[in-house]
Amino acid sequence: MSFDALFGNTAALARLRAILERNRPAHAFLFSGPEGVGKKLAAIAFAGELGARITVVQRLEDGHVISIDQVRVLIESLAWTSSEPRAVIFDNAHWMSEEAMNALLKTLEEPPERTFLILVTHLPDLLLETIRSRCQTVHFAPMSDEDLGCYARTSLHLGDEDARVVALLSEGSIGAATAMVEEIGGIRAAARDLQTRVLSGDLNSLIESLGKIKDTKEARRAAKRDLRLLAHVLRETLRTRSGSTPCLATAEFISRHSKIDEDGLIERMEALLDHERMIDLYANVGLTVEDALLHL
């Protein structure tokens, strides 16, 4: 993986390139930013440009944290001198237990020669302040719709319309875009169906179908998807007023909502997203969806 193969995050990648050009990299880095924006890929590419042998430390499948035992084994391995640079990438570093972070501190304070530590996380505040203070932080941002659309076309091999849908719904996450490829047809069909139901007032069947399902993971995922889809359709409806071409919102839906002012559309979007978050808090799925749809 090289920098040339990475999408988006121009500022973060430019900073890393400048570090490489100066040939004076820090011994420890903290790559922070939202999930799915390419932090781990950038860490691997950066370590590769350093010519380092890469070790990735992550939570074990049967573990809840990156344990102190994992860190101790790593520290012991780094005690041996190496003729080549070494890079250790902590994937989701916030999963380290407090004991593991404390064990890592001495290595951060007195790093072995030709050794680079890269902590990758979307929750940097969960790391000890003493850990963060010993790392050079590189911030990553959500990717733009343009960058995601380019990625969807060139790397995921989607057509223009599907690429636009993926860019819209991924909300800056290249990981979300990649995961969405297999579902894109179903997502577009669901968006059309939801708009048809809203326009016809036929929401009872949707509410009932979700309400009859017990609070399973699948029911919650479906409900969250539907509320998020409707929020994006409203967002597109709003953006058409500045000349944007929609990829999910139908002409009929846009026309029906043409008399609602900007504040009204934003309030409806916020209501849908608020109810989506309520589902994460284990609110009743059927009642939450029903209350959310009443705001439309």
C-alpha atoms as a PDB file:
ATOM      1  CA  MET A   1       0.000   0.000   0.000  1.00  0.00           C
ATOM      2  CA  SER A   2       1.455   3.344  -1.079  1.00  0.00           C
ATOM      3  CA  PHE A   3       0.354   6.916  -0.529  1.00  0.00           C
ATOM      4  CA  ASP A   4      -0.546   7.163  -4.215  1.00  0.00           C
ATOM      5  CA  ALA A   5      -3.243   4.509  -3.686  1.00  0.00           C
ATOM      6  CA  LEU A   6      -4.934   6.432  -0.836  1.00  0.00           C
ATOM      7  CA  PHE A   7      -8.002   8.641  -1.298  1.00  0.00           C
ATOM      8  CA  GLY A   8      -8.887  11.856   0.501  1.00  0.00           C
ATOM      9  CA  ASN A   9      -7.309  13.380   3.607  1.00  0.00           C
ATOM     10  CA  THR A  10      -5.055  15.595   1.539  1.00  0.00           C
ATOM     11  CA  ALA A  11      -3.847  17.607   4.544  1.00  0.00           C
ATOM     12  CA  ALA A  12      -2.976  14.556   6.676  1.00  0.00           C
ATOM     13  CA  LEU A  13      -1.175  12.800   3.841  1.00  0.00           C
ATOM     14  CA  ALA A  14       0.694  15.980   2.889  1.00  0.00           C
ATOM     15  CA  ARG A  15       1.921  16.264   6.463  1.00  0.00           C
ATOM     16  CA  LEU A  16       3.125  12.660   6.442  1.00  0.00           C
ATOM     17  CA  ARG A  17       4.894  13.192   3.126  1.00  0.00           C
ATOM     18  CA  ALA A  18       6.632  16.264   4.575  1.00  0.00           C
ATOM     19  CA  ILE A  19       7.808  14.175   7.547  1.00  0.00           C
ATOM     20  CA  LEU A  20       9.240  11.600   5.162  1.00  0.00           C
ATOM     21  CA  GLU A  21      10.960  14.272   3.072  1.00  0.00           C
ATOM     22  CA  ARG A  22      12.641  15.729   6.159  1.00  0.00           C
ATOM     23  CA  ASN A  23      13.682  12.192   7.083  1.00  0.00           C
ATOM     24  CA  ARG A  24      13.202  12.937  10.785  1.00  0.00           C
ATOM     25  CA  PRO A  25      10.091  11.034  11.834  1.00  0.00           C
ATOM     26  CA  ALA A  26       8.971  11.015  15.448  1.00  0.00           C
ATOM     27  CA  HIS A  27       9.188   7.729  17.305  1.00  0.00           C
ATOM     28  CA  ALA A  28       5.451   7.719  18.107  1.00  0.00           C
ATOM     29  CA  PHE A  29       2.367   8.916  16.220  1.00  0.00           C
ATOM     30  CA  LEU A  30      -1.326   9.124  17.024  1.00  0.00           C
ATOM     31  CA  PHE A  31      -3.566   8.868  13.941  1.00  0.00           C
ATOM     32  CA  SER A  32      -6.979  10.130  15.066  1.00  0.00           C
ATOM     33  CA  GLY A  33     -10.224  10.801  13.246  1.00  0.00           C
ATOM     34  CA  PRO A  34     -13.649   9.269  12.514  1.00  0.00           C
ATOM     35  CA  GLU A  35     -14.089   5.577  11.805  1.00  0.00           C
ATOM     36  CA  GLY A  36     -13.569   4.344   8.287  1.00  0.00           C
ATOM     37  CA  VAL A  37     -11.646   7.324   6.861  1.00  0.00           C
ATOM     38  CA  GLY A  38      -8.449   5.415   6.062  1.00  0.00           C
ATOM     39  CA  LYS A  39      -6.331   5.909   9.199  1.00  0.00           C
ATOM     40  CA  LYS A  40      -5.097   2.319   9.350  1.00  0.00           C
ATOM     41  CA  LEU A  41      -4.349   2.208   5.618  1.00  0.00           C
ATOM     42  CA  ALA A  42      -2.424   5.459   5.971  1.00  0.00           C
ATOM     43  CA  ALA A  43      -0.482   4.023   8.919  1.00  0.00           C
ATOM     44  CA  ILE A  44       0.487   0.959   6.886  1.00  0.00           C
ATOM     45  CA  ALA A  45       1.464   3.107   3.895  1.00  0.00           C
ATOM     46  CA  PHE A  46       3.483   5.461   6.097  1.00  0.00           C
ATOM     47  CA  ALA A  47       5.300   2.570   7.781  1.00  0.00           C
ATOM     48  CA  GLY A  48       6.009   1.117   4.361  1.00  0.00           C
ATOM     49  CA  GLU A  49       7.523   4.392   3.193  1.00  0.00           C
ATOM     50  CA  LEU A  50       9.771   4.287   6.276  1.00  0.00           C
ATOM     51  CA  GLY A  51      11.016   0.929   5.049  1.00  0.00           C
ATOM     52  CA  ALA A  52       9.845  -0.680   8.257  1.00  0.00           C
ATOM     53  CA  ARG A  53       8.836  -4.231   9.053  1.00  0.00           C
ATOM     54  CA  ILE A  54       5.210  -3.873  10.198  1.00  0.00           C
ATOM     55  CA  THR A  55       3.505  -5.472  13.196  1.00  0.00           C
ATOM     56  CA  VAL A  56      -0.207  -4.813  13.792  1.00  0.00           C
ATOM     57  CA  VAL A  57      -1.498  -5.109  17.367  1.00  0.00           C
ATOM     58  CA  GLN A  58      -5.260  -5.441  17.758  1.00  0.00           C
ATOM     59  CA  ARG A  59      -7.852  -6.878  20.077  1.00  0.00           C
ATOM     60  CA  LEU A  60      -7.993 -10.668  19.898  1.00  0.00           C
ATOM     61  CA  GLU A  61     -11.237 -12.197  18.628  1.00  0.00           C
ATOM     62  CA  ASP A  62     -12.063 -13.658  22.031  1.00  0.00           C
ATOM     63  CA  GLY A  63     -10.903 -10.598  23.982  1.00  0.00           C
ATOM     64  CA  HIS A  64     -12.586  -7.382  25.050  1.00  0.00           C
ATOM     65  CA  VAL A  65      -9.381  -5.340  25.167  1.00  0.00           C
ATOM     66  CA  ILE A  66      -5.816  -5.220  23.920  1.00  0.00           C
ATOM     67  CA  SER A  67      -4.402  -6.877  27.016  1.00  0.00           C
ATOM     68  CA  ILE A  68      -1.336  -6.174  29.089  1.00  0.00           C
ATOM     69  CA  ASP A  69      -0.048  -9.617  28.090  1.00  0.00           C
ATOM     70  CA  GLN A  70      -0.140  -8.631  24.406  1.00  0.00           C
ATOM     71  CA  VAL A  71       1.771  -5.439  25.150  1.00  0.00           C
ATOM     72  CA  ARG A  72       4.320  -7.245  27.314  1.00  0.00           C
ATOM     73  CA  VAL A  73       5.041  -9.755  24.529  1.00  0.00           C
ATOM     74  CA  LEU A  74       5.459  -6.855  22.115  1.00  0.00           C
ATOM     75  CA  ILE A  75       7.832  -4.995  24.452  1.00  0.00           C
ATOM     76  CA  GLU A  76       9.948  -8.130  24.880  1.00  0.00           C
ATOM     77  CA  SER A  77      10.210  -8.543  21.109  1.00  0.00           C
ATOM     78  CA  LEU A  78      11.274  -4.913  20.681  1.00  0.00           C
ATOM     79  CA  ALA A  79      14.078  -5.384  23.212  1.00  0.00           C
ATOM     80  CA  TRP A  80      16.001  -7.319  20.591  1.00  0.00           C
ATOM     81  CA  THR A  81      18.066  -5.085  18.342  1.00  0.00           C
ATOM     82  CA  SER A  82      17.102  -4.976  14.703  1.00  0.00           C
ATOM     83  CA  SER A  83      19.087  -4.120  11.596  1.00  0.00           C
ATOM     84  CA  GLU A  84      15.943  -2.813   9.882  1.00  0.00           C
ATOM     85  CA  PRO A  85      13.323  -0.266  10.950  1.00  0.00           C
ATOM     86  CA  ARG A  86      10.276  -1.607  12.787  1.00  0.00           C
ATOM     87  CA  ALA A  87       6.790  -0.148  12.953  1.00  0.00           C
ATOM     88  CA  VAL A  88       4.122  -1.246  15.407  1.00  0.00           C
ATOM     89  CA  ILE A  89       0.578  -0.203  14.522  1.00  0.00           C
ATOM     90  CA  PHE A  90      -1.997  -0.325  17.328  1.00  0.00           C
ATOM     91  CA  ASP A  91      -5.328  -0.710  15.534  1.00  0.00           C
ATOM     92  CA  ASN A  92      -8.179   0.772  17.605  1.00  0.00           C
ATOM     93  CA  ALA A  93      -5.666   1.744  20.256  1.00  0.00           C
ATOM     94  CA  HIS A  94      -8.466   2.859  22.593  1.00  0.00           C
ATOM     95  CA  TRP A  95      -9.131  -0.842  23.216  1.00  0.00           C
ATOM     96  CA  MET A  96      -5.951  -1.082  25.258  1.00  0.00           C
ATOM     97  CA  SER A  97      -6.622  -1.747  28.900  1.00  0.00           C
ATOM     98  CA  GLU A  98      -5.324   0.845  31.336  1.00  0.00           C
ATOM     99  CA  GLU A  99      -2.694  -1.654  32.484  1.00  0.00           C
ATOM    100  CA  ALA A 100      -1.600  -2.176  28.874  1.00  0.00           C
ATOM    101  CA  MET A 101      -1.321   1.575  28.311  1.00  0.00           C
ATOM    102  CA  ASN A 102       0.742   1.990  31.447  1.00  0.00           C
ATOM    103  CA  ALA A 103       3.004  -0.846  30.329  1.00  0.00           C
ATOM    104  CA  LEU A 104       3.495   0.885  26.979  1.00  0.00           C
ATOM    105  CA  LEU A 105       4.485   4.209  28.547  1.00  0.00           C
ATOM    106  CA  LYS A 106       8.118   3.282  29.217  1.00  0.00           C
ATOM    107  CA  THR A 107       8.555   2.200  25.602  1.00  0.00           C
ATOM    108  CA  LEU A 108       7.097   5.526  24.466  1.00  0.00           C
ATOM    109  CA  GLU A 109       9.487   7.390  26.768  1.00  0.00           C
ATOM    110  CA  GLU A 110      12.554   5.361  25.788  1.00  0.00           C
ATOM    111  CA  PRO A 111      11.852   3.861  22.367  1.00  0.00           C
ATOM    112  CA  PRO A 112      14.243   1.300  20.885  1.00  0.00           C
ATOM    113  CA  GLU A 113      16.321   2.480  17.938  1.00  0.00           C
ATOM    114  CA  ARG A 114      14.717   2.396  14.498  1.00  0.00           C
ATOM    115  CA  THR A 115      11.314   1.653  16.054  1.00  0.00           C
ATOM    116  CA  PHE A 116       8.116   3.587  15.318  1.00  0.00           C
ATOM    117  CA  LEU A 117       4.831   3.256  17.196  1.00  0.00           C
ATOM    118  CA  ILE A 118       1.606   4.327  15.482  1.00  0.00           C
ATOM    119  CA  LEU A 119      -1.615   4.414  17.524  1.00  0.00           C
ATOM    120  CA  VAL A 120      -4.755   4.447  15.380  1.00  0.00           C
ATOM    121  CA  THR A 121      -8.061   5.434  17.000  1.00  0.00           C
ATOM    122  CA  HIS A 122     -11.360   7.239  16.530  1.00  0.00           C
ATOM    123  CA  LEU A 123     -11.638   7.718  20.302  1.00  0.00           C
ATOM    124  CA  PRO A 124      -8.380   9.396  21.353  1.00  0.00           C
ATOM    125  CA  ASP A 125      -9.885  10.696  24.595  1.00  0.00           C
ATOM    126  CA  LEU A 126     -10.024   7.109  25.878  1.00  0.00           C
ATOM    127  CA  LEU A 127      -6.239   6.952  25.797  1.00  0.00           C
ATOM    128  CA  LEU A 128      -4.284   8.097  28.823  1.00  0.00           C
ATOM    129  CA  GLU A 129      -3.223  11.726  28.544  1.00  0.00           C
ATOM    130  CA  THR A 130       0.344  10.590  29.208  1.00  0.00           C
ATOM    131  CA  ILE A 131       0.066   8.363  26.110  1.00  0.00           C
ATOM    132  CA  ARG A 132      -1.316  11.152  23.923  1.00  0.00           C
ATOM    133  CA  SER A 133       1.303  13.660  25.068  1.00  0.00           C
ATOM    134  CA  ARG A 134       4.130  11.387  23.928  1.00  0.00           C
ATOM    135  CA  CYS A 135       2.756  11.006  20.399  1.00  0.00           C
ATOM    136  CA  GLN A 136       2.791  13.332  17.414  1.00  0.00           C
ATOM    137  CA  THR A 137      -0.875  13.617  16.441  1.00  0.00           C
ATOM    138  CA  VAL A 138      -2.046  13.475  12.830  1.00  0.00           C
ATOM    139  CA  HIS A 139      -5.737  14.292  12.382  1.00  0.00           C
ATOM    140  CA  PHE A 140      -7.829  12.607   9.686  1.00  0.00           C
ATOM    141  CA  ALA A 141     -11.152  14.046   8.531  1.00  0.00           C
ATOM    142  CA  PRO A 142     -14.263  12.558   6.918  1.00  0.00           C
ATOM    143  CA  MET A 143     -13.807  12.208   3.177  1.00  0.00           C
ATOM    144  CA  SER A 144     -15.672  14.541   0.860  1.00  0.00           C
ATOM    145  CA  ASP A 145     -18.527  13.282  -1.318  1.00  0.00           C
ATOM    146  CA  GLU A 146     -16.318  13.979  -4.342  1.00  0.00           C
ATOM    147  CA  ASP A 147     -13.453  11.815  -3.041  1.00  0.00           C
ATOM    148  CA  LEU A 148     -15.836   9.037  -2.029  1.00  0.00           C
ATOM    149  CA  GLY A 149     -17.534   9.148  -5.420  1.00  0.00           C
ATOM    150  CA  CYS A 150     -14.145   8.858  -7.109  1.00  0.00           C
ATOM    151  CA  TYR A 151     -13.221   5.939  -4.862  1.00  0.00           C
ATOM    152  CA  ALA A 152     -16.541   4.205  -5.557  1.00  0.00           C
ATOM    153  CA  ARG A 153     -16.044   4.512  -9.316  1.00  0.00           C
ATOM    154  CA  THR A 154     -12.358   3.636  -9.565  1.00  0.00           C
ATOM    155  CA  SER A 155     -11.860   1.134  -6.723  1.00  0.00           C
ATOM    156  CA  LEU A 156     -15.328  -0.306  -6.192  1.00  0.00           C
ATOM    157  CA  HIS A 157     -16.150  -0.231  -9.927  1.00  0.00           C
ATOM    158  CA  LEU A 158     -19.600   1.291  -9.517  1.00  0.00           C
ATOM    159  CA  GLY A 159     -21.466   3.244 -12.148  1.00  0.00           C
ATOM    160  CA  ASP A 160     -21.915   6.977 -11.744  1.00  0.00           C
ATOM    161  CA  GLU A 161     -25.394   6.827 -10.162  1.00  0.00           C
ATOM    162  CA  ASP A 162     -24.529   4.075  -7.696  1.00  0.00           C
ATOM    163  CA  ALA A 163     -21.267   5.863  -6.868  1.00  0.00           C
ATOM    164  CA  ARG A 164     -23.204   9.025  -6.024  1.00  0.00           C
ATOM    165  CA  VAL A 165     -25.552   7.082  -3.735  1.00  0.00           C
ATOM    166  CA  VAL A 166     -22.608   5.450  -1.959  1.00  0.00           C
ATOM    167  CA  ALA A 167     -20.875   8.816  -1.552  1.00  0.00           C
ATOM    168  CA  LEU A 168     -24.044  10.361  -0.114  1.00  0.00           C
ATOM    169  CA  LEU A 169     -24.778   7.588   2.370  1.00  0.00           C
ATOM    170  CA  SER A 170     -21.213   6.809   3.474  1.00  0.00           C
ATOM    171  CA  GLU A 171     -20.968  10.130   5.331  1.00  0.00           C
ATOM    172  CA  GLY A 172     -17.242  10.516   4.810  1.00  0.00           C
ATOM    173  CA  SER A 173     -16.285   6.903   5.578  1.00  0.00           C
ATOM    174  CA  ILE A 174     -14.406   4.851   3.012  1.00  0.00           C
ATOM    175  CA  GLY A 175     -15.080   1.786   5.159  1.00  0.00           C
ATOM    176  CA  ALA A 176     -18.831   2.388   5.021  1.00  0.00           C
ATOM    177  CA  ALA A 177     -18.615   2.900   1.256  1.00  0.00           C
ATOM    178  CA  THR A 178     -16.864  -0.424   0.778  1.00  0.00           C
ATOM    179  CA  ALA A 179     -19.347  -2.273   2.996  1.00  0.00           C
ATOM    180  CA  MET A 180     -22.280  -0.796   1.076  1.00  0.00           C
ATOM    181  CA  VAL A 181     -21.429  -2.197  -2.359  1.00  0.00           C
ATOM    182  CA  GLU A 182     -23.309  -5.482  -2.018  1.00  0.00           C
ATOM    183  CA  GLU A 183     -26.407  -3.714  -0.661  1.00  0.00           C
ATOM    184  CA  ILE A 184     -26.643  -0.787  -3.069  1.00  0.00           C
ATOM    185  CA  GLY A 185     -29.553  -2.227  -5.086  1.00  0.00           C
ATOM    186  CA  GLY A 186     -31.590  -2.946  -1.970  1.00  0.00           C
ATOM    187  CA  ILE A 187     -30.791   0.465  -0.531  1.00  0.00           C
ATOM    188  CA  ARG A 188     -32.041   2.282  -3.618  1.00  0.00           C
ATOM    189  CA  ALA A 189     -35.207   0.170  -3.681  1.00  0.00           C
ATOM    190  CA  ALA A 190     -35.811   0.843   0.034  1.00  0.00           C
ATOM    191  CA  ALA A 191     -35.389   4.593  -0.482  1.00  0.00           C
ATOM    192  CA  ARG A 192     -37.954   4.599  -3.311  1.00  0.00           C
ATOM    193  CA  ASP A 193     -40.390   2.521  -1.271  1.00  0.00           C
ATOM    194  CA  LEU A 194     -40.072   4.771   1.779  1.00  0.00           C
ATOM    195  CA  GLN A 195     -40.752   7.891  -0.274  1.00  0.00           C
ATOM    196  CA  THR A 196     -43.772   6.254  -1.910  1.00  0.00           C
ATOM    197  CA  ARG A 197     -45.162   5.352   1.513  1.00  0.00           C
ATOM    198  CA  VAL A 198     -44.607   8.866   2.853  1.00  0.00           C
ATOM    199  CA  LEU A 199     -46.283  10.464  -0.165  1.00  0.00           C
ATOM    200  CA  SER A 200     -49.274   8.098  -0.030  1.00  0.00           C
ATOM    201  CA  GLY A 201     -49.598   8.234   3.737  1.00  0.00           C
ATOM    202  CA  ASP A 202     -49.225   4.419   3.845  1.00  0.00           C
ATOM    203  CA  LEU A 203     -46.946   4.233   6.877  1.00  0.00           C
ATOM    204  CA  ASN A 204     -48.958   1.852   9.036  1.00  0.00           C
ATOM    205  CA  SER A 205     -47.689  -1.307   7.344  1.00  0.00           C
ATOM    206  CA  LEU A 206     -44.093  -0.199   7.810  1.00  0.00           C
ATOM    207  CA  ILE A 207     -44.634   0.687  11.466  1.00  0.00           C
ATOM    208  CA  GLU A 208     -46.485  -2.561  12.115  1.00  0.00           C
ATOM    209  CA  SER A 209     -43.873  -4.730  10.421  1.00  0.00           C
ATOM    210  CA  LEU A 210     -41.122  -3.235  12.551  1.00  0.00           C
ATOM    211  CA  GLY A 211     -43.225  -3.202  15.687  1.00  0.00           C
ATOM    212  CA  LYS A 212     -44.073  -6.909  15.420  1.00  0.00           C
ATOM    213  CA  ILE A 213     -40.398  -7.861  15.346  1.00  0.00           C
ATOM    214  CA  LYS A 214     -38.918  -8.195  18.779  1.00  0.00           C
ATOM    215  CA  ASP A 215     -35.944  -6.005  19.562  1.00  0.00           C
ATOM    216  CA  THR A 216     -33.461  -7.985  17.524  1.00  0.00           C
ATOM    217  CA  LYS A 217     -30.272  -6.688  16.041  1.00  0.00           C
ATOM    218  CA  GLU A 218     -31.771  -7.038  12.558  1.00  0.00           C
ATOM    219  CA  ALA A 219     -34.892  -5.050  13.456  1.00  0.00           C
ATOM    220  CA  ARG A 220     -32.854  -2.220  14.915  1.00  0.00           C
ATOM    221  CA  ARG A 221     -30.505  -2.171  11.933  1.00  0.00           C
ATOM    222  CA  ALA A 222     -33.460  -2.009   9.497  1.00  0.00           C
ATOM    223  CA  ALA A 223     -35.182   0.748  11.458  1.00  0.00           C
ATOM    224  CA  LYS A 224     -31.997   2.814  11.707  1.00  0.00           C
ATOM    225  CA  ARG A 225     -31.386   2.388   7.994  1.00  0.00           C
ATOM    226  CA  ASP A 226     -34.895   3.557   7.099  1.00  0.00           C
ATOM    227  CA  LEU A 227     -34.714   6.639   9.316  1.00  0.00           C
ATOM    228  CA  ARG A 228     -31.248   7.509   8.000  1.00  0.00           C
ATOM    229  CA  LEU A 229     -32.393   7.040   4.382  1.00  0.00           C
ATOM    230  CA  LEU A 230     -35.310   9.417   4.898  1.00  0.00           C
ATOM    231  CA  ALA A 231     -32.973  11.962   6.502  1.00  0.00           C
ATOM    232  CA  HIS A 232     -30.689  11.785   3.473  1.00  0.00           C
ATOM    233  CA  VAL A 233     -33.656  12.154   1.121  1.00  0.00           C
ATOM    234  CA  LEU A 234     -34.657  15.324   2.986  1.00  0.00           C
ATOM    235  CA  ARG A 235     -31.048  16.540   2.799  1.00  0.00           C
ATOM    236  CA  GLU A 236     -31.083  16.031  -0.962  1.00  0.00           C
ATOM    237  CA  THR A 237     -34.421  17.806  -1.201  1.00  0.00           C
ATOM    238  CA  LEU A 238     -32.862  20.797   0.537  1.00  0.00           C
ATOM    239  CA  ARG A 239     -29.727  20.740  -1.632  1.00  0.00           C
ATOM    240  CA  THR A 240     -31.753  20.802  -4.857  1.00  0.00           C
ATOM    241  CA  ARG A 241     -32.613  24.400  -3.995  1.00  0.00           C
ATOM    242  CA  SER A 242     -28.987  25.339  -4.632  1.00  0.00           C
ATOM    243  CA  GLY A 243     -28.840  23.439  -7.917  1.00  0.00           C
ATOM    244  CA  SER A 244     -27.699  20.009  -6.721  1.00  0.00           C
ATOM    245  CA  THR A 245     -28.956  16.974  -8.662  1.00  0.00           C
ATOM    246  CA  PRO A 246     -30.481  14.293  -6.385  1.00  0.00           C
ATOM    247  CA  CYS A 247     -29.612  10.608  -6.607  1.00  0.00           C
ATOM    248  CA  LEU A 248     -32.116   9.217  -4.077  1.00  0.00           C
ATOM    249  CA  ALA A 249     -34.877  11.809  -3.692  1.00  0.00           C
ATOM    250  CA  THR A 250     -37.620  11.380  -6.287  1.00  0.00           C
ATOM    251  CA  ALA A 251     -39.118  14.267  -8.223  1.00  0.00           C
ATOM    252  CA  GLU A 252     -42.482  13.625  -6.535  1.00  0.00           C
ATOM    253  CA  PHE A 253     -40.977  13.738  -3.047  1.00  0.00           C
ATOM    254  CA  ILE A 254     -39.100  16.949  -3.808  1.00  0.00           C
ATOM    255  CA  SER A 255     -42.236  18.552  -5.250  1.00  0.00           C
ATOM    256  CA  ARG A 256     -44.344  17.595  -2.223  1.00  0.00           C
ATOM    257  CA  HIS A 257     -41.827  19.222   0.120  1.00  0.00           C
ATOM    258  CA  SER A 258     -41.165  22.286  -2.019  1.00  0.00           C
ATOM    259  CA  LYS A 259     -43.301  24.557   0.151  1.00  0.00           C
ATOM    260  CA  ILE A 260     -41.485  23.672   3.379  1.00  0.00           C
ATOM    261  CA  ASP A 261     -38.870  26.253   4.227  1.00  0.00           C
ATOM    262  CA  GLU A 262     -35.215  25.454   4.950  1.00  0.00           C
ATOM    263  CA  ASP A 263     -35.640  25.475   8.723  1.00  0.00           C
ATOM    264  CA  GLY A 264     -38.589  23.121   8.450  1.00  0.00           C
ATOM    265  CA  LEU A 265     -36.628  20.589   6.393  1.00  0.00           C
ATOM    266  CA  ILE A 266     -33.687  20.780   8.798  1.00  0.00           C
ATOM    267  CA  GLU A 267     -35.999  20.205  11.768  1.00  0.00           C
ATOM    268  CA  ARG A 268     -37.415  17.093  10.076  1.00  0.00           C
ATOM    269  CA  MET A 269     -33.914  15.781   9.350  1.00  0.00           C
ATOM    270  CA  GLU A 270     -32.833  16.352  12.948  1.00  0.00           C
ATOM    271  CA  ALA A 271     -35.948  14.614  14.260  1.00  0.00           C
ATOM    272  CA  LEU A 272     -35.232  11.525  12.153  1.00  0.00           C
ATOM    273  CA  LEU A 273     -31.597  11.399  13.281  1.00  0.00           C
ATOM    274  CA  ASP A 274     -32.587  11.940  16.918  1.00  0.00           C
ATOM    275  CA  HIS A 275     -34.935   8.962  16.697  1.00  0.00           C
ATOM    276  CA  GLU A 276     -32.201   6.887  15.068  1.00  0.00           C
ATOM    277  CA  ARG A 277     -30.021   7.571  18.103  1.00  0.00           C
ATOM    278  CA  MET A 278     -32.915   6.573  20.371  1.00  0.00           C
ATOM    279  CA  ILE A 279     -32.883   3.125  18.766  1.00  0.00           C
ATOM    280  CA  ASP A 280     -29.227   2.823  19.774  1.00  0.00           C
ATOM    281  CA  LEU A 281     -30.388   3.504  23.336  1.00  0.00           C
ATOM    282  CA  TYR A 282     -32.722   0.498  23.101  1.00  0.00           C
ATOM    283  CA  ALA A 283     -35.970   2.374  22.717  1.00  0.00           C
ATOM    284  CA  ASN A 284     -38.892   0.320  21.399  1.00  0.00           C
ATOM    285  CA  VAL A 285     -38.350  -0.015  17.646  1.00  0.00           C
ATOM    286  CA  GLY A 286     -41.982   0.217  16.501  1.00  0.00           C
ATOM    287  CA  LEU A 287     -42.884   3.160  18.722  1.00  0.00           C
ATOM    288  CA  THR A 288     -39.686   5.018  17.855  1.00  0.00           C
ATOM    289  CA  VAL A 289     -40.228   4.644  14.107  1.00  0.00           C
ATOM    290  CA  GLU A 290     -43.893   5.652  14.441  1.00  0.00           C
ATOM    291  CA  ASP A 291     -42.995   8.797  16.386  1.00  0.00           C
ATOM    292  CA  ALA A 292     -40.231   9.674  13.913  1.00  0.00           C
ATOM    293  CA  LEU A 293     -42.512   9.331  10.881  1.00  0.00           C
ATOM    294  CA  LEU A 294     -45.126  11.554  12.477  1.00  0.00           C
ATOM    295  CA  HIS A 295     -42.588  14.386  12.158  1.00  0.00           C
ATOM    296  CA  LEU A 296     -42.740  14.091   8.373  1.00  0.00           C
END
